[in-house]
Amino acid sequence: MTLNRQTLAKIDKKILSQMDHGDGVQLVKVPVSDAVWSTWRRYCEAVGIPMGRALAVLLHQELASFVDEDLDRTATLLGEREAQVAAGEAALVVREREMATREKALAIQEQRLAAQTKASAAPLIAPGPKLGRNELCWCGSRKKFKYCDGRSG
């Protein structure tokens, strides 16, 4: 049975009139391999639309190819989605540059902090054995340590 364009247009009008009354949900079994299904899933996730909605868009495009008209503005919808993806990619590139700059600044700060910590962590050298309060002061004043101010004289 061969269908001409007028017959297809009538069929499309009937389908469109039924579709305009509400978006119903139809369960469909799709005979594809696991590899094709997983590739389709990854594609839908990358584009950011549910797998069922993407299948519906493909069905609309296929119907539109028979009658040379764009059903439900599919091309516009896909163009908008591609623009959103492109904008997201551009924002991601800018964000990656910012992160690289921040990582460099953080590495420089860590190096400075490590150098300061290393310099300030130098061991203190004790002046000698600890003196008791009643022993003679180390400064040579011949006074007891408890009465001396630590200056010779």
N, C-alpha and C. Protein backbone atom coordinates (compact mmCIF):
# COMPACT_ATOMS: atom_id res chain seq x y z
N MET A 1 0.85 -1.17 0.00
CA MET A 1 0.00 0.00 0.00
C MET A 1 0.89 1.23 0.00
N THR A 2 0.71 2.09 -0.97
CA THR A 2 1.49 3.30 -1.09
C THR A 2 0.65 4.48 -0.62
N LEU A 3 1.23 5.32 0.25
CA LEU A 3 0.53 6.48 0.77
C LEU A 3 1.10 7.74 0.12
N ASN A 4 0.21 8.61 -0.32
CA ASN A 4 0.69 9.87 -0.87
C ASN A 4 0.76 10.92 0.24
N ARG A 5 1.25 12.08 -0.10
CA ARG A 5 1.44 13.13 0.91
C ARG A 5 0.12 13.60 1.52
N GLN A 6 -0.94 13.65 0.77
CA GLN A 6 -2.22 14.10 1.31
C GLN A 6 -2.73 13.13 2.38
N THR A 7 -2.59 11.85 2.12
CA THR A 7 -3.02 10.85 3.10
C THR A 7 -2.18 10.95 4.36
N LEU A 8 -0.86 11.10 4.19
CA LEU A 8 0.02 11.25 5.35
C LEU A 8 -0.31 12.52 6.13
N ALA A 9 -0.63 13.59 5.44
CA ALA A 9 -0.98 14.84 6.11
C ALA A 9 -2.24 14.67 6.95
N LYS A 10 -3.23 13.93 6.41
CA LYS A 10 -4.45 13.68 7.17
C LYS A 10 -4.15 12.85 8.42
N ILE A 11 -3.30 11.83 8.26
CA ILE A 11 -2.92 11.00 9.40
C ILE A 11 -2.21 11.84 10.45
N ASP A 12 -1.31 12.70 9.99
CA ASP A 12 -0.57 13.56 10.92
C ASP A 12 -1.50 14.52 11.65
N LYS A 13 -2.49 15.06 10.94
CA LYS A 13 -3.44 15.97 11.59
C LYS A 13 -4.22 15.25 12.68
N LYS A 14 -4.62 14.01 12.40
CA LYS A 14 -5.33 13.23 13.42
C LYS A 14 -4.44 12.97 14.63
N ILE A 15 -3.20 12.60 14.35
CA ILE A 15 -2.26 12.33 15.46
C ILE A 15 -2.02 13.60 16.26
N LEU A 16 -1.81 14.71 15.56
CA LEU A 16 -1.57 15.98 16.25
C LEU A 16 -2.78 16.42 17.06
N SER A 17 -3.98 16.23 16.53
CA SER A 17 -5.18 16.63 17.27
C SER A 17 -5.31 15.80 18.54
N GLN A 18 -4.94 14.54 18.49
CA GLN A 18 -5.00 13.71 19.69
C GLN A 18 -3.89 14.08 20.67
N MET A 19 -2.74 14.48 20.14
CA MET A 19 -1.62 14.83 21.02
C MET A 19 -1.85 16.17 21.69
N ASP A 20 -2.57 17.09 21.05
CA ASP A 20 -2.79 18.40 21.61
C ASP A 20 -3.72 18.38 22.82
N HIS A 21 -4.47 17.30 23.01
CA HIS A 21 -5.41 17.24 24.13
C HIS A 21 -4.73 16.83 25.43
N GLY A 22 -3.48 16.60 25.42
CA GLY A 22 -2.77 16.25 26.64
C GLY A 22 -1.63 15.30 26.35
N ASP A 23 -0.63 15.42 27.14
CA ASP A 23 0.50 14.51 26.98
C ASP A 23 0.23 13.27 27.80
N GLY A 24 -0.14 12.22 27.14
CA GLY A 24 -0.37 10.96 27.83
C GLY A 24 0.92 10.17 27.91
N VAL A 25 0.93 9.19 28.75
CA VAL A 25 2.09 8.34 28.90
C VAL A 25 1.78 6.99 28.29
N GLN A 26 2.60 6.56 27.37
CA GLN A 26 2.45 5.26 26.74
C GLN A 26 3.68 4.44 27.03
N LEU A 27 3.48 3.23 27.52
CA LEU A 27 4.60 2.35 27.76
C LEU A 27 4.92 1.60 26.48
N VAL A 28 6.18 1.60 26.11
CA VAL A 28 6.60 1.00 24.85
C VAL A 28 7.80 0.12 25.10
N LYS A 29 7.83 -1.05 24.48
CA LYS A 29 9.02 -1.89 24.53
C LYS A 29 9.86 -1.57 23.30
N VAL A 30 11.14 -1.28 23.55
CA VAL A 30 12.02 -0.92 22.45
C VAL A 30 13.02 -2.06 22.25
N PRO A 31 12.99 -2.71 21.09
CA PRO A 31 13.90 -3.84 20.86
C PRO A 31 15.30 -3.34 20.44
N VAL A 32 16.15 -3.08 21.43
CA VAL A 32 17.52 -2.67 21.15
C VAL A 32 18.47 -3.47 22.04
N SER A 33 19.72 -3.48 21.65
CA SER A 33 20.72 -4.19 22.44
C SER A 33 21.08 -3.38 23.68
N ASP A 34 21.73 -4.04 24.65
CA ASP A 34 22.15 -3.35 25.87
C ASP A 34 23.13 -2.24 25.56
N ALA A 35 24.00 -2.44 24.60
CA ALA A 35 24.99 -1.42 24.24
C ALA A 35 24.31 -0.17 23.69
N VAL A 36 23.32 -0.37 22.82
CA VAL A 36 22.60 0.77 22.26
C VAL A 36 21.83 1.49 23.36
N TRP A 37 21.21 0.73 24.24
CA TRP A 37 20.43 1.32 25.33
C TRP A 37 21.33 2.13 26.27
N SER A 38 22.49 1.61 26.64
CA SER A 38 23.38 2.35 27.54
C SER A 38 23.94 3.59 26.85
N THR A 39 24.22 3.51 25.54
CA THR A 39 24.68 4.68 24.81
C THR A 39 23.59 5.75 24.78
N TRP A 40 22.36 5.32 24.56
CA TRP A 40 21.22 6.24 24.56
C TRP A 40 21.06 6.90 25.94
N ARG A 41 21.22 6.12 26.99
CA ARG A 41 21.11 6.65 28.36
C ARG A 41 22.18 7.72 28.60
N ARG A 42 23.44 7.43 28.20
CA ARG A 42 24.52 8.41 28.38
C ARG A 42 24.25 9.67 27.58
N TYR A 43 23.75 9.53 26.37
CA TYR A 43 23.43 10.69 25.55
C TYR A 43 22.37 11.55 26.23
N CYS A 44 21.31 10.91 26.69
CA CYS A 44 20.22 11.66 27.34
C CYS A 44 20.71 12.36 28.60
N GLU A 45 21.55 11.71 29.39
CA GLU A 45 22.10 12.32 30.59
C GLU A 45 22.97 13.52 30.24
N ALA A 46 23.75 13.40 29.16
CA ALA A 46 24.62 14.51 28.75
C ALA A 46 23.81 15.71 28.28
N VAL A 47 22.71 15.44 27.57
CA VAL A 47 21.87 16.52 27.08
C VAL A 47 20.98 17.06 28.19
N GLY A 48 20.66 16.21 29.16
CA GLY A 48 19.86 16.65 30.30
C GLY A 48 18.37 16.49 30.14
N ILE A 49 17.94 15.51 29.35
CA ILE A 49 16.51 15.26 29.21
C ILE A 49 16.24 13.80 29.53
N PRO A 50 15.04 13.48 30.01
CA PRO A 50 14.71 12.10 30.31
C PRO A 50 14.72 11.25 29.04
N MET A 51 15.00 9.99 29.21
CA MET A 51 15.11 9.08 28.06
C MET A 51 13.79 8.98 27.30
N GLY A 52 12.68 8.93 28.01
CA GLY A 52 11.37 8.84 27.37
C GLY A 52 11.06 10.08 26.55
N ARG A 53 11.39 11.25 27.11
CA ARG A 53 11.15 12.51 26.39
C ARG A 53 12.00 12.55 25.12
N ALA A 54 13.23 12.07 25.20
CA ALA A 54 14.11 12.06 24.03
C ALA A 54 13.55 11.13 22.96
N LEU A 55 13.01 9.98 23.38
CA LEU A 55 12.39 9.07 22.40
C LEU A 55 11.18 9.73 21.74
N ALA A 56 10.39 10.46 22.54
CA ALA A 56 9.23 11.16 21.98
C ALA A 56 9.68 12.20 20.96
N VAL A 57 10.75 12.91 21.25
CA VAL A 57 11.28 13.91 20.32
C VAL A 57 11.71 13.24 19.03
N LEU A 58 12.39 12.09 19.14
CA LEU A 58 12.80 11.36 17.95
C LEU A 58 11.58 10.92 17.12
N LEU A 59 10.54 10.43 17.79
CA LEU A 59 9.32 10.05 17.07
C LEU A 59 8.72 11.24 16.34
N HIS A 60 8.70 12.38 17.00
CA HIS A 60 8.16 13.59 16.38
C HIS A 60 8.99 13.98 15.16
N GLN A 61 10.31 13.90 15.29
CA GLN A 61 11.17 14.23 14.15
C GLN A 61 10.93 13.28 12.99
N GLU A 62 10.77 12.02 13.28
CA GLU A 62 10.55 11.03 12.23
C GLU A 62 9.22 11.29 11.52
N LEU A 63 8.18 11.60 12.29
CA LEU A 63 6.90 11.94 11.67
C LEU A 63 7.02 13.21 10.83
N ALA A 64 7.76 14.19 11.33
CA ALA A 64 7.93 15.45 10.61
C ALA A 64 8.68 15.25 9.30
N SER A 65 9.57 14.29 9.25
CA SER A 65 10.32 14.05 8.02
C SER A 65 9.42 13.56 6.90
N PHE A 66 8.30 12.93 7.22
CA PHE A 66 7.36 12.45 6.19
C PHE A 66 6.53 13.59 5.61
N VAL A 67 6.19 14.55 6.41
CA VAL A 67 5.29 15.61 5.94
C VAL A 67 5.98 16.96 5.83
N ASP A 68 7.28 17.02 6.02
CA ASP A 68 8.07 18.24 5.87
C ASP A 68 7.59 19.38 6.77
N GLU A 69 7.18 19.10 7.97
CA GLU A 69 6.85 20.17 8.90
C GLU A 69 7.39 19.80 10.28
N ASP A 70 7.63 20.81 11.05
CA ASP A 70 8.25 20.61 12.36
C ASP A 70 7.17 20.43 13.41
N LEU A 71 7.04 19.23 13.95
CA LEU A 71 6.02 18.94 14.95
C LEU A 71 6.50 19.41 16.32
N ASP A 72 5.60 20.12 17.01
CA ASP A 72 5.88 20.60 18.37
C ASP A 72 7.19 21.39 18.45
N ARG A 73 7.56 22.04 17.39
CA ARG A 73 8.77 22.88 17.37
C ARG A 73 9.99 22.12 17.86
N THR A 74 10.15 20.91 17.38
CA THR A 74 11.24 20.05 17.81
C THR A 74 12.60 20.68 17.56
N ALA A 75 12.76 21.26 16.39
CA ALA A 75 14.04 21.87 16.06
C ALA A 75 14.34 23.03 17.00
N THR A 76 13.33 23.82 17.32
CA THR A 76 13.52 24.94 18.24
C THR A 76 13.90 24.43 19.62
N LEU A 77 13.20 23.39 20.06
CA LEU A 77 13.50 22.79 21.37
C LEU A 77 14.93 22.28 21.43
N LEU A 78 15.34 21.57 20.39
CA LEU A 78 16.70 21.04 20.37
C LEU A 78 17.72 22.16 20.28
N GLY A 79 17.42 23.20 19.52
CA GLY A 79 18.33 24.34 19.42
C GLY A 79 18.51 25.03 20.76
N GLU A 80 17.41 25.21 21.49
CA GLU A 80 17.49 25.82 22.82
C GLU A 80 18.32 24.96 23.76
N ARG A 81 18.11 23.65 23.70
CA ARG A 81 18.86 22.73 24.58
C ARG A 81 20.35 22.76 24.24
N GLU A 82 20.67 22.80 22.94
CA GLU A 82 22.08 22.88 22.53
C GLU A 82 22.71 24.19 23.00
N ALA A 83 21.94 25.29 22.95
CA ALA A 83 22.45 26.58 23.43
C ALA A 83 22.70 26.52 24.93
N GLN A 84 21.81 25.87 25.67
CA GLN A 84 22.00 25.73 27.12
C GLN A 84 23.23 24.90 27.42
N VAL A 85 23.44 23.82 26.67
CA VAL A 85 24.61 22.98 26.88
C VAL A 85 25.89 23.76 26.56
N ALA A 86 25.87 24.53 25.48
CA ALA A 86 27.05 25.33 25.11
C ALA A 86 27.35 26.38 26.18
N ALA A 87 26.30 27.02 26.70
CA ALA A 87 26.50 28.01 27.77
C ALA A 87 27.06 27.35 29.02
N GLY A 88 26.57 26.16 29.34
CA GLY A 88 27.08 25.42 30.49
C GLY A 88 28.54 25.04 30.31
N GLU A 89 28.91 24.63 29.10
CA GLU A 89 30.30 24.29 28.83
C GLU A 89 31.20 25.52 28.97
N ALA A 90 30.74 26.67 28.47
CA ALA A 90 31.52 27.91 28.58
C ALA A 90 31.70 28.30 30.05
N ALA A 91 30.64 28.18 30.83
CA ALA A 91 30.74 28.49 32.26
C ALA A 91 31.69 27.53 32.96
N LEU A 92 31.68 26.28 32.53
CA LEU A 92 32.57 25.28 33.12
C LEU A 92 34.03 25.62 32.82
N VAL A 93 34.32 26.07 31.61
CA VAL A 93 35.69 26.44 31.25
C VAL A 93 36.16 27.61 32.11
N VAL A 94 35.30 28.61 32.29
CA VAL A 94 35.65 29.77 33.13
C VAL A 94 35.89 29.31 34.56
N ARG A 95 35.04 28.44 35.06
CA ARG A 95 35.18 27.94 36.44
C ARG A 95 36.48 27.14 36.61
N GLU A 96 36.84 26.33 35.61
CA GLU A 96 38.08 25.57 35.69
C GLU A 96 39.29 26.49 35.73
N ARG A 97 39.25 27.59 34.97
CA ARG A 97 40.35 28.56 35.00
C ARG A 97 40.47 29.20 36.38
N GLU A 98 39.32 29.58 36.95
CA GLU A 98 39.32 30.17 38.29
C GLU A 98 39.90 29.19 39.31
N MET A 99 39.51 27.92 39.20
CA MET A 99 40.01 26.92 40.14
C MET A 99 41.52 26.73 39.99
N ALA A 100 42.03 26.74 38.76
CA ALA A 100 43.47 26.60 38.54
C ALA A 100 44.22 27.77 39.16
N THR A 101 43.69 28.98 39.00
CA THR A 101 44.31 30.17 39.59
C THR A 101 44.31 30.08 41.11
N ARG A 102 43.20 29.65 41.67
CA ARG A 102 43.11 29.52 43.13
C ARG A 102 44.06 28.44 43.65
N GLU A 103 44.19 27.35 42.91
CA GLU A 103 45.11 26.28 43.34
C GLU A 103 46.55 26.78 43.35
N LYS A 104 46.94 27.58 42.35
CA LYS A 104 48.30 28.13 42.31
C LYS A 104 48.52 29.05 43.50
N ALA A 105 47.55 29.94 43.77
CA ALA A 105 47.67 30.86 44.90
C ALA A 105 47.76 30.09 46.22
N LEU A 106 46.98 29.05 46.35
CA LEU A 106 47.01 28.24 47.57
C LEU A 106 48.35 27.54 47.73
N ALA A 107 48.92 27.03 46.64
CA ALA A 107 50.24 26.38 46.71
C ALA A 107 51.31 27.37 47.15
N ILE A 108 51.24 28.60 46.65
CA ILE A 108 52.21 29.63 47.05
C ILE A 108 52.05 29.95 48.53
N GLN A 109 50.82 30.09 49.01
CA GLN A 109 50.58 30.36 50.43
C GLN A 109 51.09 29.22 51.31
N GLU A 110 50.88 27.99 50.86
CA GLU A 110 51.35 26.84 51.64
C GLU A 110 52.87 26.83 51.71
N GLN A 111 53.55 27.19 50.63
CA GLN A 111 55.01 27.25 50.64
C GLN A 111 55.49 28.33 51.60
N ARG A 112 54.85 29.49 51.57
CA ARG A 112 55.23 30.58 52.50
C ARG A 112 55.01 30.15 53.94
N LEU A 113 53.89 29.54 54.21
CA LEU A 113 53.58 29.10 55.57
C LEU A 113 54.58 28.05 56.03
N ALA A 114 54.94 27.13 55.15
CA ALA A 114 55.92 26.10 55.50
C ALA A 114 57.28 26.73 55.81
N ALA A 115 57.67 27.75 55.02
CA ALA A 115 58.95 28.42 55.26
C ALA A 115 58.93 29.17 56.60
N GLN A 116 57.81 29.83 56.90
CA GLN A 116 57.69 30.55 58.17
C GLN A 116 57.71 29.57 59.34
N THR A 117 57.02 28.48 59.20
CA THR A 117 56.97 27.48 60.27
C THR A 117 58.35 26.88 60.49
N LYS A 118 59.07 26.64 59.41
CA LYS A 118 60.41 26.07 59.52
C LYS A 118 61.36 27.04 60.21
N ALA A 119 61.23 28.32 59.87
CA ALA A 119 62.11 29.34 60.48
C ALA A 119 61.78 29.54 61.95
N SER A 120 60.51 29.56 62.28
CA SER A 120 60.13 29.81 63.68
C SER A 120 60.29 28.57 64.55
N ALA A 121 60.44 27.41 63.94
CA ALA A 121 60.56 26.19 64.72
C ALA A 121 62.02 25.84 65.04
N ALA A 122 62.92 26.80 64.87
CA ALA A 122 64.33 26.55 65.19
C ALA A 122 64.43 26.27 66.69
N PRO A 123 65.20 25.27 67.07
CA PRO A 123 65.27 24.92 68.50
C PRO A 123 65.96 26.01 69.31
N LEU A 124 65.41 26.30 70.47
CA LEU A 124 66.02 27.27 71.38
C LEU A 124 67.13 26.59 72.17
N ILE A 125 68.24 27.29 72.32
CA ILE A 125 69.38 26.73 73.04
C ILE A 125 69.33 27.23 74.48
N ALA A 126 69.30 26.32 75.39
CA ALA A 126 69.25 26.69 76.81
C ALA A 126 70.60 27.28 77.21
N PRO A 127 70.62 28.32 78.07
CA PRO A 127 71.88 28.97 78.44
C PRO A 127 72.81 28.09 79.28
N GLY A 128 72.35 27.03 79.76
CA GLY A 128 73.18 26.15 80.57
C GLY A 128 72.29 25.43 81.56
N PRO A 129 72.91 24.82 82.56
CA PRO A 129 72.08 24.15 83.54
C PRO A 129 71.24 25.15 84.31
N LYS A 130 70.08 24.73 84.73
CA LYS A 130 69.17 25.60 85.43
C LYS A 130 69.71 25.89 86.84
N LEU A 131 69.64 27.15 87.21
CA LEU A 131 70.13 27.56 88.53
C LEU A 131 69.00 27.53 89.55
N GLY A 132 69.30 27.16 90.73
CA GLY A 132 68.33 27.22 91.81
C GLY A 132 68.24 28.64 92.33
N ARG A 133 67.21 28.94 93.09
CA ARG A 133 67.01 30.30 93.59
C ARG A 133 68.13 30.76 94.53
N ASN A 134 68.68 29.88 95.29
CA ASN A 134 69.68 30.27 96.29
C ASN A 134 71.12 30.11 95.82
N GLU A 135 71.32 29.79 94.55
CA GLU A 135 72.69 29.66 94.03
C GLU A 135 73.15 31.01 93.51
N LEU A 136 74.45 31.15 93.31
CA LEU A 136 74.99 32.40 92.79
C LEU A 136 74.57 32.57 91.33
N CYS A 137 74.32 33.79 90.95
CA CYS A 137 73.84 34.10 89.60
C CYS A 137 74.93 33.83 88.58
N TRP A 138 74.59 33.51 87.41
CA TRP A 138 75.50 33.19 86.33
C TRP A 138 76.14 34.44 85.74
N CYS A 139 75.61 35.63 86.04
CA CYS A 139 76.13 36.85 85.44
C CYS A 139 77.44 37.31 86.10
N GLY A 140 77.79 36.74 87.21
CA GLY A 140 79.05 37.11 87.87
C GLY A 140 78.90 38.22 88.88
N SER A 141 77.70 38.58 89.28
CA SER A 141 77.48 39.66 90.24
C SER A 141 77.74 39.22 91.68
N ARG A 142 77.92 37.93 91.90
CA ARG A 142 78.16 37.31 93.20
C ARG A 142 76.96 37.46 94.12
N LYS A 143 75.78 37.72 93.53
CA LYS A 143 74.54 37.75 94.31
C LYS A 143 73.82 36.43 94.08
N LYS A 144 72.91 36.12 95.00
CA LYS A 144 72.09 34.94 94.80
C LYS A 144 71.15 35.21 93.61
N PHE A 145 70.82 34.16 92.93
CA PHE A 145 70.02 34.26 91.73
C PHE A 145 68.69 34.95 91.99
N LYS A 146 68.08 34.70 93.18
CA LYS A 146 66.77 35.26 93.48
C LYS A 146 66.83 36.77 93.68
N TYR A 147 68.02 37.33 93.98
CA TYR A 147 68.14 38.77 94.20
C TYR A 147 68.77 39.49 92.99
N CYS A 148 69.31 38.76 92.07
CA CYS A 148 70.04 39.37 90.94
C CYS A 148 69.08 39.67 89.80
N ASP A 149 69.42 40.73 89.07
CA ASP A 149 68.59 41.06 87.92
C ASP A 149 69.16 40.50 86.61
N GLY A 150 70.26 39.78 86.69
CA GLY A 150 70.82 39.12 85.53
C GLY A 150 71.87 39.95 84.81
N ARG A 151 72.20 41.13 85.30
CA ARG A 151 73.25 41.94 84.69
C ARG A 151 74.50 41.88 85.56
N SER A 152 75.62 41.84 84.92
CA SER A 152 76.86 41.81 85.72
C SER A 152 77.12 43.20 86.27
N GLY A 153 77.68 43.23 87.44
CA GLY A 153 78.02 44.55 87.96
C GLY A 153 77.87 44.62 89.36
